[in-house]
Amino acid sequence: MIRRSFIALATVASLTAPTALLADNHMGKKDIVDTATAAGDFGTLLAAAEAAGLVETLKGDGPFTVFAPTDEAFAALPEGTVDSLLLPENKDKLTEILTYHVVPGEVMSGDLTDGMMAATVEGEEIEISLGDSVMVDEATVVMPDVEASNGVIHVIDSVLMPDAAM
């Protein structure tokens, strides 16, 4: 009984969080950072953006397309990875990883094509695959088209790693 209640509660929470994020943002759009903050599932991404000095850029005019990993995606990295990346001496590597998640311009899901290559701010390209789900490199888009005043967020289930950071 408790297990069933927990599963039901988790299901409701997972379904209402994206809805709340979208509804809140359509009424007086917030920038990408404020939209991610309001969503409540991007604490690690926002802490990393702060450590890399990218918050003001992501609050800027844009437009930007951000493939945003959730806290759960960061938690799936090998133990100690996030803590290590947040150290001041690893700021360049952290910046490479974060800017690999950003594409200049506003790219909505309807603009995507199978096999599409998109140049990231980091300098490398990410590959888009369309099938049963939308994939960005090896990450699955779990919520597309979260509009912000200065671009769009596509929520992904894993952290993208550029070749340069490996």
N, C-alpha and C. Protein backbone atom coordinates (compact mmCIF):
# COMPACT_ATOMS: atom_id res chain seq x y z
N MET A 1 0.83 -1.19 0.00
CA MET A 1 0.00 0.00 0.00
C MET A 1 0.88 1.26 0.00
N ILE A 2 1.86 1.29 0.90
CA ILE A 2 2.74 2.45 0.96
C ILE A 2 3.50 2.60 -0.35
N ARG A 3 3.96 1.47 -0.88
CA ARG A 3 4.70 1.51 -2.15
C ARG A 3 3.83 2.06 -3.27
N ARG A 4 2.57 1.59 -3.34
CA ARG A 4 1.66 2.07 -4.37
C ARG A 4 1.40 3.57 -4.22
N SER A 5 1.22 4.02 -2.98
CA SER A 5 0.99 5.45 -2.73
C SER A 5 2.19 6.28 -3.14
N PHE A 6 3.40 5.75 -2.82
CA PHE A 6 4.61 6.46 -3.20
C PHE A 6 4.72 6.56 -4.72
N ILE A 7 4.46 5.46 -5.40
CA ILE A 7 4.54 5.47 -6.87
C ILE A 7 3.53 6.44 -7.45
N ALA A 8 2.31 6.43 -6.92
CA ALA A 8 1.29 7.36 -7.41
C ALA A 8 1.71 8.81 -7.17
N LEU A 9 2.25 9.08 -5.98
CA LEU A 9 2.70 10.43 -5.66
C LEU A 9 3.84 10.85 -6.57
N ALA A 10 4.80 9.97 -6.80
CA ALA A 10 5.93 10.27 -7.69
C ALA A 10 5.45 10.53 -9.10
N THR A 11 4.48 9.76 -9.56
CA THR A 11 3.94 9.94 -10.91
C THR A 11 3.27 11.30 -11.03
N VAL A 12 2.45 11.65 -10.06
CA VAL A 12 1.77 12.94 -10.08
C VAL A 12 2.79 14.07 -10.05
N ALA A 13 3.80 13.95 -9.20
CA ALA A 13 4.83 15.00 -9.11
C ALA A 13 5.57 15.16 -10.42
N SER A 14 5.90 14.04 -11.08
CA SER A 14 6.64 14.14 -12.33
C SER A 14 5.79 14.73 -13.44
N LEU A 15 4.49 14.52 -13.37
CA LEU A 15 3.61 15.06 -14.41
C LEU A 15 3.26 16.52 -14.17
N THR A 16 3.19 16.94 -12.91
CA THR A 16 2.81 18.32 -12.64
C THR A 16 3.99 19.27 -12.69
N ALA A 17 5.20 18.82 -12.42
CA ALA A 17 6.36 19.71 -12.44
C ALA A 17 6.56 20.35 -13.81
N PRO A 18 6.56 19.57 -14.90
CA PRO A 18 6.72 20.20 -16.21
C PRO A 18 5.58 21.15 -16.53
N THR A 19 4.36 20.76 -16.15
CA THR A 19 3.20 21.61 -16.41
C THR A 19 3.34 22.93 -15.69
N ALA A 20 3.75 22.87 -14.43
CA ALA A 20 3.94 24.10 -13.65
C ALA A 20 5.02 24.96 -14.28
N LEU A 21 6.08 24.33 -14.73
CA LEU A 21 7.17 25.06 -15.37
C LEU A 21 6.68 25.79 -16.61
N LEU A 22 5.94 25.09 -17.44
CA LEU A 22 5.45 25.70 -18.68
C LEU A 22 4.41 26.77 -18.40
N ALA A 23 3.47 26.51 -17.52
CA ALA A 23 2.41 27.46 -17.23
C ALA A 23 2.99 28.74 -16.63
N ASP A 24 3.90 28.59 -15.68
CA ASP A 24 4.50 29.73 -15.02
C ASP A 24 5.28 30.59 -16.01
N ASN A 25 5.93 29.95 -16.96
CA ASN A 25 6.78 30.69 -17.86
C ASN A 25 6.01 31.40 -18.97
N HIS A 26 4.84 30.91 -19.34
CA HIS A 26 4.08 31.57 -20.39
C HIS A 26 3.48 32.88 -19.91
N MET A 27 3.35 33.04 -18.62
CA MET A 27 2.81 34.28 -18.06
C MET A 27 3.97 35.18 -17.70
N GLY A 28 4.37 36.06 -18.59
CA GLY A 28 5.51 36.92 -18.32
C GLY A 28 6.79 36.13 -18.34
N LYS A 29 7.24 35.77 -19.52
CA LYS A 29 8.41 34.90 -19.67
C LYS A 29 9.61 35.38 -18.86
N LYS A 30 10.27 34.40 -18.27
CA LYS A 30 11.51 34.64 -17.53
C LYS A 30 12.67 34.25 -18.44
N ASP A 31 13.88 34.74 -18.11
CA ASP A 31 15.04 34.34 -18.90
C ASP A 31 15.38 32.87 -18.58
N ILE A 32 16.36 32.34 -19.28
CA ILE A 32 16.71 30.93 -19.15
C ILE A 32 17.09 30.58 -17.71
N VAL A 33 17.87 31.40 -17.06
CA VAL A 33 18.31 31.11 -15.68
C VAL A 33 17.12 31.13 -14.72
N ASP A 34 16.28 32.15 -14.82
CA ASP A 34 15.13 32.25 -13.93
C ASP A 34 14.11 31.14 -14.19
N THR A 35 13.97 30.73 -15.45
CA THR A 35 13.08 29.62 -15.79
C THR A 35 13.60 28.32 -15.17
N ALA A 36 14.90 28.07 -15.29
CA ALA A 36 15.50 26.86 -14.71
C ALA A 36 15.40 26.89 -13.19
N THR A 37 15.59 28.06 -12.59
CA THR A 37 15.49 28.20 -11.14
C THR A 37 14.07 27.87 -10.68
N ALA A 38 13.08 28.41 -11.38
CA ALA A 38 11.68 28.18 -11.02
C ALA A 38 11.28 26.72 -11.15
N ALA A 39 11.90 26.00 -12.07
CA ALA A 39 11.57 24.59 -12.29
C ALA A 39 11.96 23.74 -11.10
N GLY A 40 13.04 24.12 -10.41
CA GLY A 40 13.44 23.41 -9.21
C GLY A 40 14.21 22.12 -9.42
N ASP A 41 14.51 21.73 -10.63
CA ASP A 41 15.22 20.47 -10.88
C ASP A 41 16.57 20.69 -11.56
N PHE A 42 17.08 21.90 -11.45
CA PHE A 42 18.33 22.24 -12.12
C PHE A 42 19.35 22.90 -11.19
N GLY A 43 19.30 22.55 -9.91
CA GLY A 43 20.21 23.14 -8.92
C GLY A 43 21.68 22.91 -9.26
N THR A 44 22.00 21.70 -9.69
CA THR A 44 23.39 21.39 -10.02
C THR A 44 23.83 22.16 -11.25
N LEU A 45 22.98 22.21 -12.27
CA LEU A 45 23.29 22.96 -13.49
C LEU A 45 23.50 24.44 -13.16
N LEU A 46 22.64 24.99 -12.34
CA LEU A 46 22.76 26.40 -11.99
C LEU A 46 24.00 26.67 -11.14
N ALA A 47 24.33 25.76 -10.23
CA ALA A 47 25.56 25.90 -9.43
C ALA A 47 26.79 25.84 -10.34
N ALA A 48 26.74 24.95 -11.32
CA ALA A 48 27.85 24.83 -12.26
C ALA A 48 27.97 26.09 -13.12
N ALA A 49 26.84 26.62 -13.57
CA ALA A 49 26.87 27.85 -14.37
C ALA A 49 27.44 29.01 -13.55
N GLU A 50 27.09 29.05 -12.28
CA GLU A 50 27.64 30.08 -11.39
C GLU A 50 29.15 29.91 -11.24
N ALA A 51 29.60 28.68 -11.00
CA ALA A 51 31.03 28.40 -10.82
C ALA A 51 31.82 28.71 -12.09
N ALA A 52 31.19 28.53 -13.24
CA ALA A 52 31.87 28.79 -14.52
C ALA A 52 31.75 30.25 -14.96
N GLY A 53 30.99 31.04 -14.22
CA GLY A 53 30.81 32.45 -14.58
C GLY A 53 29.90 32.65 -15.79
N LEU A 54 28.94 31.76 -15.98
CA LEU A 54 28.08 31.82 -17.17
C LEU A 54 26.67 32.33 -16.89
N VAL A 55 26.34 32.61 -15.64
CA VAL A 55 24.97 33.02 -15.31
C VAL A 55 24.57 34.30 -16.04
N GLU A 56 25.42 35.32 -15.99
CA GLU A 56 25.06 36.59 -16.63
C GLU A 56 24.89 36.43 -18.14
N THR A 57 25.73 35.58 -18.74
CA THR A 57 25.60 35.31 -20.17
C THR A 57 24.24 34.69 -20.47
N LEU A 58 23.84 33.69 -19.67
CA LEU A 58 22.57 33.01 -19.89
C LEU A 58 21.36 33.86 -19.52
N LYS A 59 21.60 34.95 -18.81
CA LYS A 59 20.54 35.91 -18.53
C LYS A 59 20.50 37.01 -19.59
N GLY A 60 21.50 36.99 -20.50
CA GLY A 60 21.62 38.02 -21.53
C GLY A 60 20.58 37.89 -22.63
N ASP A 61 20.76 38.72 -23.66
CA ASP A 61 19.78 38.83 -24.74
C ASP A 61 19.54 37.53 -25.51
N GLY A 62 20.61 36.77 -25.75
CA GLY A 62 20.43 35.54 -26.54
C GLY A 62 20.07 35.86 -27.97
N PRO A 63 19.30 35.04 -28.62
CA PRO A 63 18.66 33.86 -28.06
C PRO A 63 19.62 32.68 -27.97
N PHE A 64 19.30 31.80 -27.00
CA PHE A 64 20.08 30.59 -26.76
C PHE A 64 19.15 29.38 -26.76
N THR A 65 19.69 28.25 -27.16
CA THR A 65 19.02 26.97 -26.97
C THR A 65 19.88 26.20 -25.99
N VAL A 66 19.28 25.83 -24.87
CA VAL A 66 20.02 25.12 -23.83
C VAL A 66 19.45 23.71 -23.68
N PHE A 67 20.33 22.73 -23.82
CA PHE A 67 19.98 21.33 -23.54
C PHE A 67 20.36 21.13 -22.08
N ALA A 68 19.36 21.19 -21.19
CA ALA A 68 19.59 21.28 -19.76
C ALA A 68 19.46 19.94 -19.05
N PRO A 69 20.58 19.41 -18.53
CA PRO A 69 20.51 18.18 -17.74
C PRO A 69 19.89 18.46 -16.37
N THR A 70 19.07 17.54 -15.92
CA THR A 70 18.44 17.65 -14.60
C THR A 70 19.45 17.31 -13.50
N ASP A 71 19.05 17.57 -12.27
CA ASP A 71 19.89 17.18 -11.13
C ASP A 71 20.13 15.67 -11.16
N GLU A 72 19.12 14.92 -11.52
CA GLU A 72 19.25 13.46 -11.61
C GLU A 72 20.31 13.07 -12.64
N ALA A 73 20.38 13.80 -13.74
CA ALA A 73 21.39 13.53 -14.77
C ALA A 73 22.80 13.75 -14.21
N PHE A 74 22.98 14.84 -13.48
CA PHE A 74 24.29 15.09 -12.87
C PHE A 74 24.62 14.03 -11.81
N ALA A 75 23.60 13.59 -11.06
CA ALA A 75 23.82 12.58 -10.03
C ALA A 75 24.26 11.25 -10.62
N ALA A 76 23.94 11.01 -11.88
CA ALA A 76 24.31 9.75 -12.54
C ALA A 76 25.78 9.72 -12.98
N LEU A 77 26.45 10.87 -12.94
CA LEU A 77 27.88 10.90 -13.27
C LEU A 77 28.66 10.13 -12.20
N PRO A 78 29.85 9.65 -12.53
CA PRO A 78 30.65 8.94 -11.52
C PRO A 78 30.83 9.80 -10.26
N GLU A 79 30.83 9.12 -9.12
CA GLU A 79 30.93 9.80 -7.84
C GLU A 79 32.15 10.73 -7.80
N GLY A 80 31.93 11.94 -7.33
CA GLY A 80 33.00 12.93 -7.20
C GLY A 80 33.19 13.80 -8.43
N THR A 81 32.57 13.45 -9.56
CA THR A 81 32.76 14.22 -10.80
C THR A 81 32.29 15.66 -10.65
N VAL A 82 31.07 15.84 -10.15
CA VAL A 82 30.52 17.19 -10.03
C VAL A 82 31.35 18.00 -9.05
N ASP A 83 31.67 17.44 -7.89
CA ASP A 83 32.47 18.16 -6.90
C ASP A 83 33.81 18.59 -7.49
N SER A 84 34.41 17.72 -8.26
CA SER A 84 35.69 18.02 -8.89
C SER A 84 35.55 19.15 -9.92
N LEU A 85 34.51 19.07 -10.72
CA LEU A 85 34.30 20.10 -11.75
C LEU A 85 34.02 21.47 -11.16
N LEU A 86 33.44 21.51 -9.96
CA LEU A 86 33.11 22.79 -9.33
C LEU A 86 34.31 23.47 -8.66
N LEU A 87 35.44 22.78 -8.60
CA LEU A 87 36.64 23.39 -8.03
C LEU A 87 37.16 24.49 -8.95
N PRO A 88 37.66 25.58 -8.37
CA PRO A 88 38.14 26.71 -9.19
C PRO A 88 39.19 26.30 -10.24
N GLU A 89 40.06 25.35 -9.90
CA GLU A 89 41.10 24.95 -10.86
C GLU A 89 40.53 24.18 -12.06
N ASN A 90 39.27 23.78 -12.01
CA ASN A 90 38.65 23.07 -13.13
C ASN A 90 37.63 23.92 -13.88
N LYS A 91 37.70 25.23 -13.67
CA LYS A 91 36.73 26.14 -14.28
C LYS A 91 36.73 26.03 -15.81
N ASP A 92 37.89 25.91 -16.44
CA ASP A 92 37.94 25.82 -17.91
C ASP A 92 37.25 24.57 -18.42
N LYS A 93 37.48 23.45 -17.76
CA LYS A 93 36.85 22.19 -18.17
C LYS A 93 35.34 22.26 -17.95
N LEU A 94 34.92 22.83 -16.82
CA LEU A 94 33.50 23.00 -16.53
C LEU A 94 32.84 23.89 -17.58
N THR A 95 33.51 24.96 -17.95
CA THR A 95 32.98 25.86 -18.97
C THR A 95 32.83 25.14 -20.30
N GLU A 96 33.82 24.32 -20.67
CA GLU A 96 33.72 23.53 -21.91
C GLU A 96 32.49 22.64 -21.90
N ILE A 97 32.28 21.95 -20.79
CA ILE A 97 31.15 21.03 -20.69
C ILE A 97 29.83 21.79 -20.76
N LEU A 98 29.71 22.87 -20.01
CA LEU A 98 28.45 23.63 -20.00
C LEU A 98 28.16 24.28 -21.34
N THR A 99 29.16 24.86 -21.99
CA THR A 99 28.91 25.52 -23.27
C THR A 99 28.65 24.52 -24.39
N TYR A 100 28.98 23.25 -24.15
CA TYR A 100 28.64 22.18 -25.09
C TYR A 100 27.12 21.91 -25.07
N HIS A 101 26.45 22.37 -24.04
CA HIS A 101 25.00 22.20 -23.90
C HIS A 101 24.22 23.38 -24.49
N VAL A 102 24.92 24.35 -25.07
CA VAL A 102 24.27 25.57 -25.55
C VAL A 102 24.52 25.74 -27.05
N VAL A 103 23.44 26.01 -27.77
CA VAL A 103 23.51 26.29 -29.20
C VAL A 103 23.05 27.74 -29.39
N PRO A 104 23.79 28.54 -30.16
CA PRO A 104 23.34 29.90 -30.41
C PRO A 104 22.03 29.89 -31.19
N GLY A 105 21.15 30.83 -30.88
CA GLY A 105 19.87 30.93 -31.57
C GLY A 105 18.81 30.12 -30.84
N GLU A 106 17.59 30.24 -31.33
CA GLU A 106 16.48 29.52 -30.72
C GLU A 106 16.07 28.38 -31.64
N VAL A 107 16.30 27.16 -31.20
CA VAL A 107 15.99 25.97 -31.99
C VAL A 107 14.87 25.23 -31.27
N MET A 108 13.67 25.29 -31.83
CA MET A 108 12.53 24.59 -31.26
C MET A 108 12.52 23.15 -31.77
N SER A 109 11.79 22.29 -31.09
CA SER A 109 11.77 20.87 -31.48
C SER A 109 11.27 20.68 -32.90
N GLY A 110 10.37 21.53 -33.36
CA GLY A 110 9.87 21.45 -34.73
C GLY A 110 10.92 21.79 -35.78
N ASP A 111 12.02 22.41 -35.36
CA ASP A 111 13.11 22.77 -36.27
C ASP A 111 14.11 21.64 -36.45
N LEU A 112 13.99 20.60 -35.62
CA LEU A 112 14.97 19.51 -35.62
C LEU A 112 14.71 18.51 -36.75
N THR A 113 15.80 17.98 -37.30
CA THR A 113 15.69 16.93 -38.30
C THR A 113 16.62 15.79 -37.91
N ASP A 114 16.27 14.59 -38.34
CA ASP A 114 17.09 13.42 -38.01
C ASP A 114 18.47 13.56 -38.64
N GLY A 115 19.50 13.34 -37.83
CA GLY A 115 20.88 13.45 -38.30
C GLY A 115 21.41 14.87 -38.32
N MET A 116 20.62 15.81 -37.88
CA MET A 116 21.02 17.21 -37.84
C MET A 116 22.24 17.39 -36.93
N MET A 117 23.18 18.21 -37.37
CA MET A 117 24.34 18.56 -36.56
C MET A 117 24.18 20.04 -36.17
N ALA A 118 24.38 20.34 -34.91
CA ALA A 118 24.25 21.72 -34.44
C ALA A 118 25.54 22.14 -33.75
N ALA A 119 26.07 23.27 -34.17
CA ALA A 119 27.30 23.81 -33.57
C ALA A 119 26.98 24.38 -32.20
N THR A 120 27.77 23.98 -31.21
CA THR A 120 27.57 24.48 -29.85
C THR A 120 28.44 25.70 -29.60
N VAL A 121 28.14 26.41 -28.53
CA VAL A 121 28.97 27.55 -28.13
C VAL A 121 30.38 27.09 -27.82
N GLU A 122 30.54 25.86 -27.34
CA GLU A 122 31.85 25.29 -27.01
C GLU A 122 32.71 25.13 -28.26
N GLY A 123 32.07 24.93 -29.42
CA GLY A 123 32.81 24.82 -30.67
C GLY A 123 32.63 23.50 -31.40
N GLU A 124 32.27 22.45 -30.66
CA GLU A 124 32.01 21.16 -31.30
C GLU A 124 30.54 21.10 -31.71
N GLU A 125 30.18 20.02 -32.41
CA GLU A 125 28.80 19.85 -32.83
C GLU A 125 28.14 18.73 -32.04
N ILE A 126 26.84 18.88 -31.83
CA ILE A 126 26.04 17.81 -31.26
C ILE A 126 25.17 17.25 -32.38
N GLU A 127 24.83 15.96 -32.25
CA GLU A 127 24.00 15.33 -33.27
C GLU A 127 22.60 15.08 -32.73
N ILE A 128 21.62 15.43 -33.54
CA ILE A 128 20.22 15.21 -33.19
C ILE A 128 19.73 13.97 -33.91
N SER A 129 19.07 13.08 -33.18
CA SER A 129 18.48 11.88 -33.78
C SER A 129 17.00 11.86 -33.43
N LEU A 130 16.18 11.61 -34.42
CA LEU A 130 14.74 11.52 -34.21
C LEU A 130 14.32 10.07 -34.42
N GLY A 131 13.50 9.59 -33.56
CA GLY A 131 12.99 8.23 -33.64
C GLY A 131 11.85 8.12 -32.65
N ASP A 132 11.89 7.09 -31.82
CA ASP A 132 10.89 6.96 -30.77
C ASP A 132 10.97 8.13 -29.79
N SER A 133 12.16 8.69 -29.67
CA SER A 133 12.37 9.87 -28.84
C SER A 133 13.40 10.75 -29.53
N VAL A 134 13.51 11.98 -29.06
CA VAL A 134 14.51 12.90 -29.59
C VAL A 134 15.78 12.72 -28.78
N MET A 135 16.88 12.47 -29.47
CA MET A 135 18.18 12.27 -28.82
C MET A 135 19.11 13.42 -29.21
N VAL A 136 19.91 13.85 -28.24
CA VAL A 136 20.97 14.82 -28.47
C VAL A 136 22.24 14.10 -28.05
N ASP A 137 23.07 13.75 -29.02
CA ASP A 137 24.18 12.83 -28.76
C ASP A 137 23.57 11.60 -28.10
N GLU A 138 23.97 11.28 -26.87
CA GLU A 138 23.44 10.09 -26.19
C GLU A 138 22.33 10.41 -25.18
N ALA A 139 21.95 11.68 -25.07
CA ALA A 139 20.93 12.10 -24.10
C ALA A 139 19.55 12.12 -24.75
N THR A 140 18.55 11.79 -23.96
CA THR A 140 17.16 11.83 -24.42
C THR A 140 16.53 13.14 -23.97
N VAL A 141 15.82 13.78 -24.89
CA VAL A 141 15.06 14.99 -24.54
C VAL A 141 13.80 14.52 -23.82
N VAL A 142 13.66 14.88 -22.55
CA VAL A 142 12.51 14.45 -21.76
C VAL A 142 11.42 15.51 -21.70
N MET A 143 11.77 16.76 -22.00
CA MET A 143 10.78 17.84 -22.10
C MET A 143 11.32 18.88 -23.08
N PRO A 144 10.71 18.98 -24.26
CA PRO A 144 11.18 19.95 -25.24
C PRO A 144 10.49 21.31 -25.07
N ASP A 145 11.07 22.29 -25.71
CA ASP A 145 10.41 23.57 -25.95
C ASP A 145 9.92 24.33 -24.72
N VAL A 146 10.73 24.41 -23.69
CA VAL A 146 10.40 25.26 -22.54
C VAL A 146 10.88 26.66 -22.91
N GLU A 147 9.92 27.51 -23.25
CA GLU A 147 10.28 28.83 -23.75
C GLU A 147 10.70 29.77 -22.63
N ALA A 148 11.68 30.59 -22.94
CA ALA A 148 12.17 31.63 -22.04
C ALA A 148 12.23 32.93 -22.82
N SER A 149 12.39 34.03 -22.14
CA SER A 149 12.42 35.32 -22.82
C SER A 149 13.62 35.46 -23.75
N ASN A 150 14.68 34.69 -23.48
CA ASN A 150 15.90 34.81 -24.29
C ASN A 150 16.30 33.48 -24.94
N GLY A 151 15.31 32.62 -25.18
CA GLY A 151 15.62 31.38 -25.86
C GLY A 151 14.70 30.26 -25.46
N VAL A 152 15.24 29.04 -25.51
CA VAL A 152 14.45 27.85 -25.22
C VAL A 152 15.30 26.83 -24.50
N ILE A 153 14.66 26.08 -23.61
CA ILE A 153 15.31 24.99 -22.88
C ILE A 153 14.70 23.68 -23.34
N HIS A 154 15.56 22.71 -23.61
CA HIS A 154 15.13 21.34 -23.84
C HIS A 154 15.74 20.53 -22.70
N VAL A 155 14.91 19.93 -21.87
CA VAL A 155 15.38 19.18 -20.72
C VAL A 155 15.87 17.81 -21.19
N ILE A 156 17.09 17.43 -20.74
CA ILE A 156 17.67 16.14 -21.14
C ILE A 156 17.99 15.30 -19.91
N ASP A 157 18.11 13.99 -20.15
CA ASP A 157 18.27 13.05 -19.03
C ASP A 157 19.71 12.66 -18.71
N SER A 158 20.68 13.24 -19.39
CA SER A 158 22.08 12.96 -19.06
C SER A 158 22.94 14.17 -19.43
N VAL A 159 24.14 14.17 -18.89
CA VAL A 159 25.06 15.28 -19.14
C VAL A 159 25.85 14.97 -20.41
N LEU A 160 25.87 15.92 -21.33
CA LEU A 160 26.63 15.78 -22.57
C LEU A 160 28.10 16.07 -22.30
N MET A 161 28.98 15.31 -22.92
CA MET A 161 30.41 15.52 -22.74
C MET A 161 31.07 15.76 -24.09
N PRO A 162 31.67 16.94 -24.27
CA PRO A 162 32.39 17.19 -25.52
C PRO A 162 33.65 16.33 -25.57
N ASP A 163 34.13 16.06 -26.77
CA ASP A 163 35.35 15.28 -26.92
C ASP A 163 36.51 15.90 -26.16
N ALA A 164 36.57 17.24 -26.16
CA ALA A 164 37.69 17.95 -25.52
C ALA A 164 37.73 17.71 -24.00
N ALA A 165 36.58 17.41 -23.40
CA ALA A 165 36.53 17.25 -21.95
C ALA A 165 36.79 15.81 -21.51
N MET A 166 36.89 14.90 -22.45
CA MET A 166 37.05 13.47 -22.09
C MET A 166 38.49 13.11 -21.90
